[in-house]
Every structure is written in structure tokens, then in C-alpha cells.
Protein backbone atom coordinates (compact mmCIF):
# COMPACT_ATOMS: atom_id res chain seq x y z
CA SER A 1 -17.21 14.98 4.70
CA LEU A 2 -14.02 13.41 5.99
CA ASP A 3 -15.79 10.06 6.43
CA ASN A 4 -15.65 9.73 2.64
CA ILE A 5 -12.13 11.12 2.33
CA VAL A 6 -10.28 9.05 4.91
CA GLY A 7 -12.37 5.91 4.50
CA GLN A 8 -14.45 3.66 6.65
CA ARG A 9 -13.43 2.38 10.09
CA ASP A 10 -13.50 -1.20 8.78
CA GLY A 11 -11.88 -0.27 5.46
CA SER A 12 -8.25 -0.79 4.59
CA ALA A 13 -5.48 1.73 3.98
CA SER A 14 -4.44 -0.46 1.07
CA GLY A 15 -7.98 -0.80 -0.28
CA ALA A 16 -9.21 0.61 -3.55
CA GLY A 17 -11.96 3.21 -3.35
CA THR A 18 -14.03 4.72 -6.11
CA GLU A 19 -12.81 8.25 -5.44
CA ARG A 20 -9.33 9.69 -5.17
CA LYS A 21 -9.42 12.32 -2.49
CA SER A 22 -6.72 13.56 -0.15
CA GLY A 23 -7.49 11.06 2.63
CA ASN A 24 -7.34 8.13 0.22
CA VAL A 25 -3.98 9.36 -1.06
CA TYR A 26 -2.72 9.78 2.51
CA ALA A 27 -3.88 6.28 3.51
CA GLY A 28 -2.04 4.88 0.49
CA LYS A 29 1.15 6.68 1.53
CA VAL A 30 0.79 5.29 5.06
CA ALA A 31 0.29 1.76 3.76
CA GLN A 32 3.41 2.06 1.60
CA ALA A 33 5.49 3.45 4.49
CA VAL A 34 4.39 0.64 6.81
CA ARG A 35 5.08 -2.04 4.17
CA GLN A 36 8.63 -0.67 3.81
CA GLN A 37 9.20 -1.28 7.54
CA PHE A 38 7.75 -4.80 7.55
CA THR A 39 10.16 -7.73 7.64
CA VAL A 40 8.62 -10.93 6.32
CA PRO A 41 9.37 -13.83 8.68
CA PRO A 42 11.83 -16.12 6.88
CA PHE A 43 9.96 -19.35 7.63
CA LEU A 44 6.77 -18.38 5.77
CA SER A 45 6.17 -19.81 2.33
CA GLU A 46 4.91 -17.51 -0.41
CA SER A 47 1.54 -19.33 -0.43
CA ASP A 48 1.14 -19.07 3.36
CA LEU A 49 2.14 -15.41 3.30
CA ARG A 50 -0.65 -14.58 0.82
CA LYS A 51 -3.27 -15.84 3.32
CA LEU A 52 -2.17 -13.70 6.28
CA ARG A 53 -3.39 -10.29 7.39
CA VAL A 54 -3.10 -8.20 10.54
CA ARG A 55 -5.34 -5.16 11.04
CA VAL A 56 -4.09 -2.30 13.18
CA ILE A 57 -5.91 0.88 14.05
CA VAL A 58 -3.84 4.00 14.64
CA THR A 59 -5.78 5.91 17.29
CA ARG A 60 -3.41 8.82 17.93
CA MET A 61 -0.66 10.42 15.91
CA ASN A 62 1.04 13.78 15.75
CA GLU A 63 1.51 16.30 12.96
CA ALA A 64 5.06 15.06 12.33
CA GLY A 65 3.81 11.59 11.39
CA GLN A 66 4.66 9.73 14.58
CA VAL A 67 2.21 7.15 15.91
CA LEU A 68 1.32 7.88 19.52
CA ALA A 69 -1.15 5.02 20.04
CA PHE A 70 -2.40 2.01 18.13
CA ASP A 71 -4.27 -1.23 18.74
CA VAL A 72 -4.25 -4.55 16.94
CA VAL A 73 -7.85 -5.22 15.98
CA GLU A 74 -7.33 -8.49 14.10
CA ASN A 75 -4.44 -10.94 14.23
CA SER A 76 -3.59 -13.48 11.57
CA SER A 77 -3.35 -17.19 12.28
CA ASN A 78 0.46 -16.94 12.39
CA PRO A 79 2.14 -15.60 15.57
CA GLY A 80 5.38 -14.77 13.71
CA PHE A 81 3.54 -12.68 11.14
CA ASN A 82 1.58 -10.97 13.94
CA LYS A 83 4.81 -10.09 15.75
CA ALA A 84 6.38 -8.74 12.54
CA ALA A 85 3.29 -6.58 11.93
CA VAL A 86 3.44 -5.03 15.41
CA GLN A 87 7.18 -4.44 15.05
CA ALA A 88 6.59 -2.61 11.75
CA ILE A 89 4.08 -0.25 13.41
CA GLN A 90 6.31 0.23 16.46
CA ARG A 91 9.02 1.67 14.22
CA PHE A 92 6.74 4.75 14.00
CA VAL A 93 6.08 4.91 17.78
CA PRO A 94 8.63 7.07 19.64
CA LYS A 95 7.76 5.63 23.08
CA ASP A 96 8.63 2.17 21.71
CA GLY A 97 11.97 3.42 20.36
CA GLY A 98 10.63 4.11 16.87
CA THR A 99 12.58 6.63 14.83
CA VAL A 100 10.69 6.41 11.52
CA TYR A 101 7.97 8.88 10.51
CA LEU A 102 4.83 8.39 8.50
CA PRO A 103 4.11 11.13 5.96
CA SER A 104 2.89 14.26 7.75
CA PRO A 105 -0.91 14.44 7.55
CA ASP A 106 -2.73 17.69 6.84
CA ALA A 107 -4.66 19.20 9.76
CA LYS A 108 -8.07 17.80 8.73
CA THR A 109 -6.72 14.30 8.20
CA LEU A 110 -4.86 14.40 11.52
CA ALA A 111 -7.99 15.54 13.36
CA TYR A 112 -9.98 12.76 11.73
CA ILE A 113 -7.41 10.09 12.64
CA ASN A 114 -7.20 11.31 16.24
CA SER A 115 -10.97 11.23 16.65
CA ASN A 116 -11.92 8.19 14.53
CA GLY A 117 -8.73 6.20 14.02
CA MET A 118 -7.11 4.98 10.81
CA LEU A 119 -7.16 1.31 9.91
CA VAL A 120 -3.94 -0.11 8.49
CA ASP A 121 -3.90 -3.58 6.96
CA LEU A 122 -0.68 -5.53 6.86
CA ASP A 123 -1.74 -7.94 4.14
CA GLY A 124 0.65 -10.75 3.38
CA ALA A 125 -0.55 -10.80 -0.24
CA LEU A 126 1.20 -7.43 -0.70
CA PHE A 127 4.58 -8.60 0.60
CA ARG A 128 7.33 -10.47 -1.19
CA LYS A 129 10.01 -12.61 0.36
């Protein structure tokens, strides 16, 4: 079932599963695309950065790879990091002026995301200054 392909609602797009199926591969591509759009706040030390994480759930997207709706489900303890995380996601949201596209999902993955959501972790441990 797609529950095992795309992952769990409380899982992470950058997590490591025991199976490599199309949804896991797609989630990994999404995580990489979002990380490329993330700008690390200049005032964060490398050690502080490693402790921060923001969790976002993409609740609607289109077949082209644009995010139509998302919610922040968990903020970090750092407002600057939180703002940078939201700005990275907004680069994929056309109504927020975003012009960047996530990889196009296949029809099953898109249907799953639009009915169940896709969790995206912006984990400071994965970023470098």
C-alpha cells in the first residue's frame, strides 16, 4: 500500500527506511530540493544549527511539483531558523511568489500527498554554513 511507500505521517522525508520504494525515493528528492532552497541564518553557530529542526507538512501540491498548501507542524527553538525554513518552502508556493518546482510526483504519490500529506523535515544537522 502507499502507506509503506510514501512513509508515515510522523516520519521524515530525510529519514532512512528499510525499503527503497518509489515514495521513499520521491521523498528523498523533495528533501534535497528543499535543502537547496534553504538559506542558513548567518548568526547560527555550527553546533547550534545541528540542534534545530522544523517540520512542515505539505497538504496539497500539483502534478508539476508546486506546493499549493502546507503547515508548520513543529518549530525549532530559534525564530530565525523557523523563518528560513518557511521561506525555503514558500519558494515552491506560487501564491507566495514561489517560482521553484519540486520534482513532479507520479499520480499515485500525488494522490497520497493530497489526501494524507507529506512531512518534510528541515533538519539543521543536514545543513552546512
